[in-house]
C-alpha atoms as a PDB file:
ATOM      1  CA  UNK A   1      81.656 108.473  95.508  1.00  0.00           C
ATOM      2  CA  UNK A   2      80.996 106.181  92.589  1.00  0.00           C
ATOM      3  CA  UNK A   3      82.305 107.398  89.262  1.00  0.00           C
ATOM      4  CA  UNK A   4      79.343 106.739  87.047  1.00  0.00           C
ATOM      5  CA  UNK A   5      81.310 107.349  83.852  1.00  0.00           C
ATOM      6  CA  UNK A   6      83.530 104.627  84.964  1.00  0.00           C
ATOM      7  CA  UNK A   7      81.357 101.578  85.140  1.00  0.00           C
ATOM      8  CA  UNK A   8      83.461  98.790  83.619  1.00  0.00           C
ATOM      9  CA  UNK A   9      82.688  97.817  80.045  1.00  0.00           C
ATOM     10  CA  UNK A  10      82.046  94.170  79.365  1.00  0.00           C
ATOM     11  CA  UNK A  11      79.865  92.254  77.015  1.00  0.00           C
ATOM     12  CA  UNK A  12      77.895  89.335  78.202  1.00  0.00           C
ATOM     13  CA  UNK A  13      79.517  86.191  76.848  1.00  0.00           C
ATOM     14  CA  UNK A  14      80.029  87.226  73.280  1.00  0.00           C
ATOM     15  CA  UNK A  15      81.465  84.211  71.613  1.00  0.00           C
ATOM     16  CA  UNK A  16      79.806  83.238  68.359  1.00  0.00           C
ATOM     17  CA  UNK A  17      77.486  86.224  68.468  1.00  0.00           C
ATOM     18  CA  UNK A  18      76.817  89.265  66.324  1.00  0.00           C
ATOM     19  CA  UNK A  19      76.062  92.799  67.375  1.00  0.00           C
ATOM     20  CA  UNK A  20      72.677  93.752  66.010  1.00  0.00           C
ATOM     21  CA  UNK A  21      72.530  97.032  64.082  1.00  0.00           C
ATOM     22  CA  UNK A  22      69.306  98.013  65.800  1.00  0.00           C
ATOM     23  CA  UNK A  23      70.393  97.338  69.366  1.00  0.00           C
ATOM     24  CA  UNK A  24      73.655  96.687  71.198  1.00  0.00           C
ATOM     25  CA  UNK A  25      72.498  93.294  72.443  1.00  0.00           C
ATOM     26  CA  UNK A  26      74.391  90.321  71.109  1.00  0.00           C
ATOM     27  CA  UNK A  27      72.403  88.322  68.563  1.00  0.00           C
ATOM     28  CA  UNK A  28      72.733  84.635  67.833  1.00  0.00           C
ATOM     29  CA  UNK A  29      74.968  83.440  65.028  1.00  0.00           C
ATOM     30  CA  UNK A  30      73.055  82.652  61.821  1.00  0.00           C
ATOM     31  CA  UNK A  31      75.417  79.783  61.160  1.00  0.00           C
ATOM     32  CA  UNK A  32      74.736  76.371  62.725  1.00  0.00           C
ATOM     33  CA  UNK A  33      77.000  75.763  65.696  1.00  0.00           C
ATOM     34  CA  UNK A  34      77.972  72.364  67.022  1.00  0.00           C
ATOM     35  CA  UNK A  35      77.141  71.768  70.656  1.00  0.00           C
ATOM     36  CA  UNK A  36      79.991  72.206  73.090  1.00  0.00           C
ATOM     37  CA  UNK A  37      80.743  69.789  75.862  1.00  0.00           C
ATOM     38  CA  UNK A  38      78.865  70.420  79.069  1.00  0.00           C
ATOM     39  CA  UNK A  39      80.863  73.094  80.960  1.00  0.00           C
ATOM     40  CA  UNK A  40      82.225  72.496  84.410  1.00  0.00           C
ATOM     41  CA  UNK A  41      80.089  74.216  87.026  1.00  0.00           C
ATOM     42  CA  UNK A  42      81.830  77.401  88.131  1.00  0.00           C
ATOM     43  CA  UNK A  43      80.949  80.181  90.550  1.00  0.00           C
ATOM     44  CA  UNK A  44      79.950  83.647  89.393  1.00  0.00           C
ATOM     45  CA  UNK A  45      82.388  86.400  90.336  1.00  0.00           C
ATOM     46  CA  UNK A  46      81.853  90.139  90.007  1.00  0.00           C
ATOM     47  CA  UNK A  47      84.590  92.741  90.146  1.00  0.00           C
ATOM     48  CA  UNK A  48      83.283  93.995  93.486  1.00  0.00           C
ATOM     49  CA  UNK A  49      83.386  90.479  94.930  1.00  0.00           C
ATOM     50  CA  UNK A  50      86.937  89.979  93.690  1.00  0.00           C
ATOM     51  CA  UNK A  51      88.031  93.225  95.352  1.00  0.00           C
ATOM     52  CA  UNK A  52      86.324  92.278  98.611  1.00  0.00           C
ATOM     53  CA  UNK A  53      87.944  88.841  98.620  1.00  0.00           C
ATOM     54  CA  UNK A  54      91.362  90.362  98.072  1.00  0.00           C
ATOM     55  CA  UNK A  55      90.988  93.029 100.752  1.00  0.00           C
ATOM     56  CA  UNK A  56      89.540  90.695 103.385  1.00  0.00           C
ATOM     57  CA  UNK A  57      92.316  88.135 102.877  1.00  0.00           C
ATOM     58  CA  UNK A  58      95.288  90.516 102.625  1.00  0.00           C
ATOM     59  CA  UNK A  59      97.164  90.537 105.938  1.00  0.00           C
ATOM     60  CA  UNK A  60      99.007  93.820 105.343  1.00  0.00           C
ATOM     61  CA  UNK A  61      95.789  95.677 104.551  1.00  0.00           C
ATOM     62  CA  UNK A  62      94.018  94.160 107.551  1.00  0.00           C
ATOM     63  CA  UNK A  63      96.833  95.162 109.905  1.00  0.00           C
ATOM     64  CA  UNK A  64      96.851  98.733 108.615  1.00  0.00           C
ATOM     65  CA  UNK A  65      93.072  98.866 109.018  1.00  0.00           C
ATOM     66  CA  UNK A  66      93.486  97.746 112.632  1.00  0.00           C
ATOM     67  CA  UNK A  67      96.111 100.458 113.157  1.00  0.00           C
ATOM     68  CA  UNK A  68      93.676 102.998 111.722  1.00  0.00           C
ATOM     69  CA  UNK A  69      90.869 101.795 113.994  1.00  0.00           C
ATOM     70  CA  UNK A  70      93.141 101.941 117.046  1.00  0.00           C
ATOM     71  CA  UNK A  71      94.256 105.444 116.100  1.00  0.00           C
ATOM     72  CA  UNK A  72      90.604 106.469 115.867  1.00  0.00           C
ATOM     73  CA  UNK A  73      89.831 105.210 119.375  1.00  0.00           C
ATOM     74  CA  UNK A  74      93.012 106.787 120.746  1.00  0.00           C
ATOM     75  CA  UNK A  75      91.983 110.073 119.184  1.00  0.00           C
ATOM     76  CA  UNK A  76      88.532 109.840 120.725  1.00  0.00           C
ATOM     77  CA  UNK A  77      90.062 109.286 124.170  1.00  0.00           C
ATOM     78  CA  UNK A  78      92.459 112.195 123.683  1.00  0.00           C
ATOM     79  CA  UNK A  79      89.697 114.534 122.549  1.00  0.00           C
ATOM     80  CA  UNK A  80      87.551 113.486 125.495  1.00  0.00           C
ATOM     81  CA  UNK A  81      90.347 114.625 127.817  1.00  0.00           C
ATOM     82  CA  UNK A  82      91.269 117.814 125.978  1.00  0.00           C
ATOM     83  CA  UNK A  83      87.635 118.874 125.581  1.00  0.00           C
ATOM     84  CA  UNK A  84      87.250 118.550 129.335  1.00  0.00           C
ATOM     85  CA  UNK A  85      89.885 121.244 129.812  1.00  0.00           C
ATOM     86  CA  UNK A  86      88.186 124.613 130.383  1.00  0.00           C
ATOM     87  CA  UNK A  87      89.677 127.280 128.085  1.00  0.00           C
ATOM     88  CA  UNK A  88      89.126 129.867 130.811  1.00  0.00           C
ATOM     89  CA  UNK A  89      91.556 127.971 133.039  1.00  0.00           C
ATOM     90  CA  UNK A  90      94.376 128.249 130.505  1.00  0.00           C
ATOM     91  CA  UNK A  91      96.733 131.122 131.229  1.00  0.00           C
ATOM     92  CA  UNK A  92      99.993 130.055 129.612  1.00  0.00           C
ATOM     93  CA  UNK A  93     101.337 128.860 126.295  1.00  0.00           C
ATOM     94  CA  UNK A  94     102.166 125.472 127.790  1.00  0.00           C
ATOM     95  CA  UNK A  95      98.614 125.143 129.033  1.00  0.00           C
ATOM     96  CA  UNK A  96      97.289 125.977 125.558  1.00  0.00           C
ATOM     97  CA  UNK A  97      99.668 123.446 124.050  1.00  0.00           C
ATOM     98  CA  UNK A  98      98.339 120.746 126.390  1.00  0.00           C
ATOM     99  CA  UNK A  99      94.820 121.339 125.127  1.00  0.00           C
ATOM    100  CA  UNK A 100      94.971 122.473 121.514  1.00  0.00           C
ATOM    101  CA  UNK A 101      98.181 120.950 120.168  1.00  0.00           C
ATOM    102  CA  UNK A 102      97.507 117.630 121.879  1.00  0.00           C
ATOM    103  CA  UNK A 103      94.047 117.479 120.302  1.00  0.00           C
ATOM    104  CA  UNK A 104      95.318 118.490 116.860  1.00  0.00           C
ATOM    105  CA  UNK A 105      98.159 115.985 117.070  1.00  0.00           C
ATOM    106  CA  UNK A 106      95.744 113.164 117.902  1.00  0.00           C
ATOM    107  CA  UNK A 107      93.528 114.039 114.936  1.00  0.00           C
ATOM    108  CA  UNK A 108      96.577 114.145 112.674  1.00  0.00           C
ATOM    109  CA  UNK A 109      97.760 110.748 113.899  1.00  0.00           C
ATOM    110  CA  UNK A 110      94.400 109.210 113.045  1.00  0.00           C
ATOM    111  CA  UNK A 111      94.303 110.718 109.556  1.00  0.00           C
ATOM    112  CA  UNK A 112      97.885 109.669 108.842  1.00  0.00           C
ATOM    113  CA  UNK A 113      96.945 106.122 109.871  1.00  0.00           C
ATOM    114  CA  UNK A 114      93.942 106.285 107.538  1.00  0.00           C
ATOM    115  CA  UNK A 115      96.225 107.489 104.752  1.00  0.00           C
ATOM    116  CA  UNK A 116      98.624 104.569 105.249  1.00  0.00           C
ATOM    117  CA  UNK A 117      95.770 102.066 105.272  1.00  0.00           C
ATOM    118  CA  UNK A 118      94.104 103.509 102.180  1.00  0.00           C
ATOM    119  CA  UNK A 119      97.387 103.694 100.290  1.00  0.00           C
ATOM    120  CA  UNK A 120      97.853  99.955 100.695  1.00  0.00           C
ATOM    121  CA  UNK A 121      94.206  99.109 100.082  1.00  0.00           C
ATOM    122  CA  UNK A 122      93.879 101.255  96.975  1.00  0.00           C
ATOM    123  CA  UNK A 123      97.022  99.735  95.481  1.00  0.00           C
ATOM    124  CA  UNK A 124      95.510  96.304  96.042  1.00  0.00           C
ATOM    125  CA  UNK A 125      92.209  97.455  94.515  1.00  0.00           C
ATOM    126  CA  UNK A 126      94.026  98.598  91.386  1.00  0.00           C
ATOM    127  CA  UNK A 127      95.922  95.313  91.137  1.00  0.00           C
ATOM    128  CA  UNK A 128      92.649  93.356  91.399  1.00  0.00           C
ATOM    129  CA  UNK A 129      90.981  95.547  88.777  1.00  0.00           C
ATOM    130  CA  UNK A 130      93.845  94.911  86.363  1.00  0.00           C
ATOM    131  CA  UNK A 131      93.938  91.184  87.060  1.00  0.00           C
ATOM    132  CA  UNK A 132      90.159  90.870  86.740  1.00  0.00           C
ATOM    133  CA  UNK A 133      90.043  92.669  83.387  1.00  0.00           C
ATOM    134  CA  UNK A 134      93.029  90.704  82.080  1.00  0.00           C
ATOM    135  CA  UNK A 135      91.372  87.421  83.077  1.00  0.00           C
ATOM    136  CA  UNK A 136      88.048  88.537  81.615  1.00  0.00           C
ATOM    137  CA  UNK A 137      89.624  89.445  78.267  1.00  0.00           C
ATOM    138  CA  UNK A 138      91.646  86.225  78.157  1.00  0.00           C
ATOM    139  CA  UNK A 139      88.520  84.207  78.919  1.00  0.00           C
ATOM    140  CA  UNK A 140      86.530  85.996  76.222  1.00  0.00           C
ATOM    141  CA  UNK A 141      89.247  85.467  73.607  1.00  0.00           C
ATOM    142  CA  UNK A 142      89.534  81.789  74.484  1.00  0.00           C
ATOM    143  CA  UNK A 143      85.769  81.320  74.330  1.00  0.00           C
ATOM    144  CA  UNK A 144      85.691  83.069  70.966  1.00  0.00           C
ATOM    145  CA  UNK A 145      88.406  80.806  69.577  1.00  0.00           C
ATOM    146  CA  UNK A 146      86.735  77.652  70.889  1.00  0.00           C
ATOM    147  CA  UNK A 147      83.370  78.601  69.469  1.00  0.00           C
ATOM    148  CA  UNK A 148      84.915  79.601  66.136  1.00  0.00           C
ATOM    149  CA  UNK A 149      86.453  76.140  65.806  1.00  0.00           C
ATOM    150  CA  UNK A 150      83.078  74.557  66.525  1.00  0.00           C
ATOM    151  CA  UNK A 151      81.325  76.528  63.835  1.00  0.00           C
ATOM    152  CA  UNK A 152      80.786  74.535  60.664  1.00  0.00           C
ATOM    153  CA  UNK A 153      83.602  74.548  58.163  1.00  0.00           C
ATOM    154  CA  UNK A 154      83.104  73.062  54.726  1.00  0.00           C
ATOM    155  CA  UNK A 155      86.731  72.781  53.707  1.00  0.00           C
ATOM    156  CA  UNK A 156      89.205  73.263  56.484  1.00  0.00           C
ATOM    157  CA  UNK A 157      92.695  72.202  55.516  1.00  0.00           C
ATOM    158  CA  UNK A 158      94.686  70.166  58.036  1.00  0.00           C
ATOM    159  CA  UNK A 159      97.282  72.959  58.234  1.00  0.00           C
ATOM    160  CA  UNK A 160      94.538  75.448  59.132  1.00  0.00           C
ATOM    161  CA  UNK A 161      93.202  73.108  61.784  1.00  0.00           C
ATOM    162  CA  UNK A 162      96.651  72.728  63.330  1.00  0.00           C
ATOM    163  CA  UNK A 163      97.107  76.491  63.302  1.00  0.00           C
ATOM    164  CA  UNK A 164      93.745  76.980  64.982  1.00  0.00           C
ATOM    165  CA  UNK A 165      94.605  74.359  67.591  1.00  0.00           C
ATOM    166  CA  UNK A 166      97.929  76.043  68.311  1.00  0.00           C
ATOM    167  CA  UNK A 167      96.187  79.400  68.643  1.00  0.00           C
ATOM    168  CA  UNK A 168      93.729  77.920  71.105  1.00  0.00           C
ATOM    169  CA  UNK A 169      96.533  76.434  73.185  1.00  0.00           C
ATOM    170  CA  UNK A 170      98.244  79.831  73.381  1.00  0.00           C
ATOM    171  CA  UNK A 171      95.005  81.507  74.439  1.00  0.00           C
ATOM    172  CA  UNK A 172      94.427  78.770  77.007  1.00  0.00           C
ATOM    173  CA  UNK A 173      97.884  79.387  78.485  1.00  0.00           C
ATOM    174  CA  UNK A 174      97.288  83.159  78.606  1.00  0.00           C
ATOM    175  CA  UNK A 175      93.950  82.611  80.313  1.00  0.00           C
ATOM    176  CA  UNK A 176      95.443  80.262  82.908  1.00  0.00           C
ATOM    177  CA  UNK A 177      98.188  82.761  83.667  1.00  0.00           C
ATOM    178  CA  UNK A 178      95.727  85.634  84.093  1.00  0.00           C
ATOM    179  CA  UNK A 179      93.373  83.476  86.165  1.00  0.00           C
ATOM    180  CA  UNK A 180      96.198  82.401  88.474  1.00  0.00           C
ATOM    181  CA  UNK A 181      97.209  86.002  89.076  1.00  0.00           C
ATOM    182  CA  UNK A 182      93.646  86.966  89.966  1.00  0.00           C
ATOM    183  CA  UNK A 183      93.202  83.965  92.259  1.00  0.00           C
ATOM    184  CA  UNK A 184      96.429  84.644  94.119  1.00  0.00           C
ATOM    185  CA  UNK A 185      95.338  88.219  94.816  1.00  0.00           C
ATOM    186  CA  UNK A 186      92.123  86.806  96.308  1.00  0.00           C
ATOM    187  CA  UNK A 187      94.038  84.144  98.262  1.00  0.00           C
ATOM    188  CA  UNK A 188      92.278  81.421  96.279  1.00  0.00           C
ATOM    189  CA  UNK A 189      93.621  78.297  94.645  1.00  0.00           C
ATOM    190  CA  UNK A 190      95.455  79.415  91.519  1.00  0.00           C
ATOM    191  CA  UNK A 191      93.515  77.090  89.204  1.00  0.00           C
ATOM    192  CA  UNK A 192      90.042  77.863  90.553  1.00  0.00           C
ATOM    193  CA  UNK A 193      87.576  78.656  87.771  1.00  0.00           C
ATOM    194  CA  UNK A 194      85.177  81.612  87.847  1.00  0.00           C
ATOM    195  CA  UNK A 195      82.461  82.953  85.617  1.00  0.00           C
ATOM    196  CA  UNK A 196      83.525  86.586  85.470  1.00  0.00           C
ATOM    197  CA  UNK A 197      80.321  88.602  85.518  1.00  0.00           C
ATOM    198  CA  UNK A 198      79.654  91.585  83.289  1.00  0.00           C
ATOM    199  CA  UNK A 199      78.444  95.043  84.198  1.00  0.00           C
ATOM    200  CA  UNK A 200      76.470  97.096  81.685  1.00  0.00           C
ATOM    201  CA  UNK A 201      78.059 100.463  80.942  1.00  0.00           C
ATOM    202  CA  UNK A 202      75.672 101.739  78.285  1.00  0.00           C
ATOM    203  CA  UNK A 203      73.541 103.828  80.663  1.00  0.00           C
ATOM    204  CA  UNK A 204      76.492 105.304  82.546  1.00  0.00           C
ATOM    205  CA  UNK A 205      76.702 109.080  82.442  1.00  0.00           C
ATOM    206  CA  UNK A 206      80.001 110.879  82.248  1.00  0.00           C
ATOM    207  CA  UNK A 207      81.044 113.013  85.204  1.00  0.00           C
ATOM    208  CA  UNK A 208      83.168 116.088  84.767  1.00  0.00           C
ATOM    209  CA  UNK A 209      86.886 116.280  85.307  1.00  0.00           C
ATOM    210  CA  UNK A 210      86.293 118.874  88.027  1.00  0.00           C
ATOM    211  CA  UNK A 211      84.161 116.370  89.938  1.00  0.00           C
ATOM    212  CA  UNK A 212      86.995 113.876  89.683  1.00  0.00           C
ATOM    213  CA  UNK A 213      89.469 116.423  91.034  1.00  0.00           C
ATOM    214  CA  UNK A 214      87.224 117.431  93.931  1.00  0.00           C
ATOM    215  CA  UNK A 215      86.681 113.789  94.827  1.00  0.00           C
ATOM    216  CA  UNK A 216      90.445 113.245  94.823  1.00  0.00           C
ATOM    217  CA  UNK A 217      91.034 116.115  97.258  1.00  0.00           C
ATOM    218  CA  UNK A 218      88.845 114.310  99.780  1.00  0.00           C
ATOM    219  CA  UNK A 219      89.718 110.672  99.104  1.00  0.00           C
ATOM    220  CA  UNK A 220      93.301 110.341  97.871  1.00  0.00           C
ATOM    221  CA  UNK A 221      95.536 109.062 100.677  1.00  0.00           C
ATOM    222  CA  UNK A 222      98.303 111.570  99.898  1.00  0.00           C
ATOM    223  CA  UNK A 223      95.785 114.426  99.977  1.00  0.00           C
ATOM    224  CA  UNK A 224      94.345 113.171 103.275  1.00  0.00           C
ATOM    225  CA  UNK A 225      97.813 113.154 104.820  1.00  0.00           C
ATOM    226  CA  UNK A 226      98.782 116.563 103.384  1.00  0.00           C
ATOM    227  CA  UNK A 227      95.543 118.109 104.648  1.00  0.00           C
ATOM    228  CA  UNK A 228      96.090 116.566 108.096  1.00  0.00           C
ATOM    229  CA  UNK A 229      99.603 118.004 108.354  1.00  0.00           C
ATOM    230  CA  UNK A 230      98.384 121.422 107.239  1.00  0.00           C
ATOM    231  CA  UNK A 231      95.521 121.396 109.756  1.00  0.00           C
ATOM    232  CA  UNK A 232      97.926 120.480 112.563  1.00  0.00           C
ATOM    233  CA  UNK A 233     100.264 123.331 111.620  1.00  0.00           C
ATOM    234  CA  UNK A 234      97.303 125.732 111.477  1.00  0.00           C
ATOM    235  CA  UNK A 235      96.177 124.690 114.962  1.00  0.00           C
ATOM    236  CA  UNK A 236      99.630 125.515 116.346  1.00  0.00           C
ATOM    237  CA  UNK A 237      99.597 128.950 114.724  1.00  0.00           C
ATOM    238  CA  UNK A 238      96.128 129.610 116.098  1.00  0.00           C
ATOM    239  CA  UNK A 239      96.825 128.792 119.737  1.00  0.00           C
ATOM    240  CA  UNK A 240     100.210 130.542 119.756  1.00  0.00           C
ATOM    241  CA  UNK A 241      98.573 133.620 118.279  1.00  0.00           C
ATOM    242  CA  UNK A 242      95.882 133.503 120.979  1.00  0.00           C
ATOM    243  CA  UNK A 243      98.080 132.854 124.016  1.00  0.00           C
ATOM    244  CA  UNK A 244     101.394 134.446 123.034  1.00  0.00           C
ATOM    245  CA  UNK A 245     102.557 136.131 119.826  1.00  0.00           C
ATOM    246  CA  UNK A 246     103.487 134.976 116.356  1.00  0.00           C
ATOM    247  CA  UNK A 247     106.488 137.287 116.544  1.00  0.00           C
ATOM    248  CA  UNK A 248     108.061 135.038 119.173  1.00  0.00           C
ATOM    249  CA  UNK A 249     110.431 132.282 118.140  1.00  0.00           C
ATOM    250  CA  UNK A 250     107.789 129.564 118.657  1.00  0.00           C
ATOM    251  CA  UNK A 251     105.368 131.713 116.655  1.00  0.00           C
ATOM    252  CA  UNK A 252     107.786 132.182 113.791  1.00  0.00           C
ATOM    253  CA  UNK A 253     108.575 128.460 113.709  1.00  0.00           C
ATOM    254  CA  UNK A 254     104.863 127.677 113.682  1.00  0.00           C
ATOM    255  CA  UNK A 255     104.274 130.097 110.796  1.00  0.00           C
ATOM    256  CA  UNK A 256     107.108 128.539 108.811  1.00  0.00           C
ATOM    257  CA  UNK A 257     105.713 125.068 109.441  1.00  0.00           C
ATOM    258  CA  UNK A 258     102.288 126.199 108.263  1.00  0.00           C
ATOM    259  CA  UNK A 259     103.708 127.737 105.098  1.00  0.00           C
ATOM    260  CA  UNK A 260     105.739 124.605 104.418  1.00  0.00           C
ATOM    261  CA  UNK A 261     102.720 122.338 104.853  1.00  0.00           C
ATOM    262  CA  UNK A 262     100.613 124.618 102.691  1.00  0.00           C
ATOM    263  CA  UNK A 263     103.218 124.235  99.938  1.00  0.00           C
ATOM    264  CA  UNK A 264     103.255 120.460 100.412  1.00  0.00           C
ATOM    265  CA  UNK A 265      99.462 120.396 100.115  1.00  0.00           C
ATOM    266  CA  UNK A 266      99.666 122.437  96.902  1.00  0.00           C
ATOM    267  CA  UNK A 267     102.312 120.046  95.575  1.00  0.00           C
ATOM    268  CA  UNK A 268     100.061 117.071  96.299  1.00  0.00           C
ATOM    269  CA  UNK A 269      97.136 118.871  94.698  1.00  0.00           C
ATOM    270  CA  UNK A 270      99.097 119.550  91.492  1.00  0.00           C
ATOM    271  CA  UNK A 271     100.223 115.939  91.346  1.00  0.00           C
ATOM    272  CA  UNK A 272      96.637 114.786  91.819  1.00  0.00           C
ATOM    273  CA  UNK A 273      95.320 117.158  89.156  1.00  0.00           C
ATOM    274  CA  UNK A 274      97.952 116.045  86.640  1.00  0.00           C
ATOM    275  CA  UNK A 275      97.244 112.341  87.166  1.00  0.00           C
ATOM    276  CA  UNK A 276      93.507 112.889  86.846  1.00  0.00           C
ATOM    277  CA  UNK A 277      93.845 115.001  83.703  1.00  0.00           C
ATOM    278  CA  UNK A 278      96.065 112.365  82.073  1.00  0.00           C
ATOM    279  CA  UNK A 279      93.858 109.437  83.095  1.00  0.00           C
ATOM    280  CA  UNK A 280      90.646 111.282  82.221  1.00  0.00           C
ATOM    281  CA  UNK A 281      91.954 111.956  78.713  1.00  0.00           C
ATOM    282  CA  UNK A 282      92.961 108.311  78.387  1.00  0.00           C
ATOM    283  CA  UNK A 283      89.493 107.165  79.441  1.00  0.00           C
ATOM    284  CA  UNK A 284      87.913 109.489  76.891  1.00  0.00           C
ATOM    285  CA  UNK A 285      90.148 108.186  74.090  1.00  0.00           C
ATOM    286  CA  UNK A 286      89.592 104.590  75.131  1.00  0.00           C
ATOM    287  CA  UNK A 287      85.835 105.046  75.210  1.00  0.00           C
ATOM    288  CA  UNK A 288      85.916 106.452  71.682  1.00  0.00           C
ATOM    289  CA  UNK A 289      87.982 103.458  70.579  1.00  0.00           C
ATOM    290  CA  UNK A 290      85.447 101.079  72.144  1.00  0.00           C
ATOM    291  CA  UNK A 291      82.573 102.783  70.359  1.00  0.00           C
ATOM    292  CA  UNK A 292      84.465 102.662  67.060  1.00  0.00           C
ATOM    293  CA  UNK A 293      85.410  98.987  67.243  1.00  0.00           C
ATOM    294  CA  UNK A 294      81.911  98.017  68.349  1.00  0.00           C
ATOM    295  CA  UNK A 295      80.581  99.694  65.219  1.00  0.00           C
ATOM    296  CA  UNK A 296      83.123  97.776  63.129  1.00  0.00           C
ATOM    297  CA  UNK A 297      82.181  94.509  64.812  1.00  0.00           C
ATOM    298  CA  UNK A 298      78.530  95.282  64.209  1.00  0.00           C
ATOM    299  CA  UNK A 299      79.154  95.912  60.512  1.00  0.00           C
ATOM    300  CA  UNK A 300      81.342  92.821  60.144  1.00  0.00           C
ATOM    301  CA  UNK A 301      78.731  90.662  61.822  1.00  0.00           C
ATOM    302  CA  UNK A 302      75.964  92.002  59.625  1.00  0.00           C
ATOM    303  CA  UNK A 303      78.070  91.434  56.494  1.00  0.00           C
ATOM    304  CA  UNK A 304      78.773  87.856  57.524  1.00  0.00           C
ATOM    305  CA  UNK A 305      75.120  87.271  58.354  1.00  0.00           C
ATOM    306  CA  UNK A 306      74.002  88.479  54.909  1.00  0.00           C
ATOM    307  CA  UNK A 307      76.757  86.526  53.184  1.00  0.00           C
ATOM    308  CA  UNK A 308      75.730  83.348  54.954  1.00  0.00           C
ATOM    309  CA  UNK A 309      72.165  83.727  53.733  1.00  0.00           C
ATOM    310  CA  UNK A 310      73.498  84.364  50.241  1.00  0.00           C
ATOM    311  CA  UNK A 311      75.744  81.315  50.506  1.00  0.00           C
ATOM    312  CA  UNK A 312      72.738  79.133  51.266  1.00  0.00           C
ATOM    313  CA  UNK A 313      71.198  80.263  47.979  1.00  0.00           C
ATOM    314  CA  UNK A 314      74.432  79.767  46.041  1.00  0.00           C
ATOM    315  CA  UNK A 315      75.189  83.457  45.500  1.00  0.00           C
ATOM    316  CA  UNK A 316      78.346  83.541  47.644  1.00  0.00           C
ATOM    317  CA  UNK A 317      81.239  81.085  47.539  1.00  0.00           C
ATOM    318  CA  UNK A 318      82.508  79.332  50.630  1.00  0.00           C
ATOM    319  CA  UNK A 319      85.824  81.166  50.216  1.00  0.00           C
ATOM    320  CA  UNK A 320      84.060  84.532  50.314  1.00  0.00           C
ATOM    321  CA  UNK A 321      82.032  83.426  53.316  1.00  0.00           C
ATOM    322  CA  UNK A 322      85.165  82.238  55.131  1.00  0.00           C
ATOM    323  CA  UNK A 323      86.843  85.588  54.479  1.00  0.00           C
ATOM    324  CA  UNK A 324      83.911  87.533  55.938  1.00  0.00           C
ATOM    325  CA  UNK A 325      83.780  85.187  58.900  1.00  0.00           C
ATOM    326  CA  UNK A 326      87.468  85.806  59.639  1.00  0.00           C
ATOM    327  CA  UNK A 327      86.841  89.548  59.406  1.00  0.00           C
ATOM    328  CA  UNK A 328      84.065  89.291  61.975  1.00  0.00           C
ATOM    329  CA  UNK A 329      86.200  87.132  64.294  1.00  0.00           C
ATOM    330  CA  UNK A 330      89.085  89.583  63.963  1.00  0.00           C
ATOM    331  CA  UNK A 331      86.963  92.623  64.852  1.00  0.00           C
ATOM    332  CA  UNK A 332      85.385  90.739  67.750  1.00  0.00           C
ATOM    333  CA  UNK A 333      88.830  89.957  69.131  1.00  0.00           C
ATOM    334  CA  UNK A 334      89.872  93.590  68.720  1.00  0.00           C
ATOM    335  CA  UNK A 335      86.728  94.704  70.522  1.00  0.00           C
ATOM    336  CA  UNK A 336      87.572  92.457  73.467  1.00  0.00           C
ATOM    337  CA  UNK A 337      91.090  93.903  73.685  1.00  0.00           C
ATOM    338  CA  UNK A 338      89.880  97.501  73.259  1.00  0.00           C
ATOM    339  CA  UNK A 339      87.328  96.931  76.004  1.00  0.00           C
ATOM    340  CA  UNK A 340      90.074  95.626  78.286  1.00  0.00           C
ATOM    341  CA  UNK A 341      92.155  98.729  77.622  1.00  0.00           C
ATOM    342  CA  UNK A 342      89.186 100.960  78.383  1.00  0.00           C
ATOM    343  CA  UNK A 343      88.550  99.170  81.659  1.00  0.00           C
ATOM    344  CA  UNK A 344      92.199  99.515  82.650  1.00  0.00           C
ATOM    345  CA  UNK A 345      92.033 103.228  81.882  1.00  0.00           C
ATOM    346  CA  UNK A 346      88.919 103.496  84.042  1.00  0.00           C
ATOM    347  CA  UNK A 347      90.650 101.680  86.889  1.00  0.00           C
ATOM    348  CA  UNK A 348      93.619 104.046  86.701  1.00  0.00           C
ATOM    349  CA  UNK A 349      91.314 107.054  86.854  1.00  0.00           C
ATOM    350  CA  UNK A 350      89.472 105.607  89.824  1.00  0.00           C
ATOM    351  CA  UNK A 351      92.792 104.985  91.534  1.00  0.00           C
ATOM    352  CA  UNK A 352      93.907 108.580  90.908  1.00  0.00           C
ATOM    353  CA  UNK A 353      90.709 109.854  92.580  1.00  0.00           C
ATOM    354  CA  UNK A 354      91.166 107.613  95.611  1.00  0.00           C
ATOM    355  CA  UNK A 355      88.528 105.038  94.641  1.00  0.00           C
END
């Protein structure tokens, strides 16, 4: 189940651009910009592609998937044999155990194998989400800094230039570190360059917290395992009740096991609910922060745009223009970071629902 609220927030490449008041598309800078050097050709990479690369190249995940597949086929063989047993031919508790408990045990084994596989895979998915968003934000900040330095300056002091150069070097190092982490998760060369592709979130509709919780009950690995154990215990109670009595020692043990597994399922459910409630609230707060900073960036860009036009007619000094430009660059950088935090919150919520 896709969480439509949770489409990742990006901008398209936003360096040296202003948010238009009328529409959330990024407008061109009103200030002349010097041409950058021709970029090295890089491959586009979406979040989904990054996740797929990581999963397909991760040996531990692949082995657990093979275990899950084998458990599925083993279960099918077991059920073929147990279904062939005629219930009318069963006259003892041991005979019932051979049919019903064997079948329930096989189903449980398969679901436990699925749970183990999905636990590992979902952890990897979350790691890739985090690495992708970190690399995206680092790339955006670096691009912003590079473009800002290329924008015309009428009186840049040498000390300011050195400071800007140092800032760019720090951003370059942060980007390289984030890129290496992402590449290693995908089993790629650590220095390989990507054009991290954006996904529009504006049209995404928010789903309810109850939908998130219900999705988690079906998809979370710990809930899958808890439900499998409870179903197995229920099957034992059912066949003992049908072919003997729950007042017998085996019946009492089976009832205790069922009650215990019911409590374990409830414990897993409460844990799931708590994680979803916390992450859902964080997503909501982060989304509000994104909307707020985008409005600030919009206003700062519009102010700089107007000031630039006024500067051309001599109504605004270059110092005033530089101040407004720095304000716009600052809010743009904050918007990038706030967007990263929102995306990380989204990823955590998706993880808590079982992806």
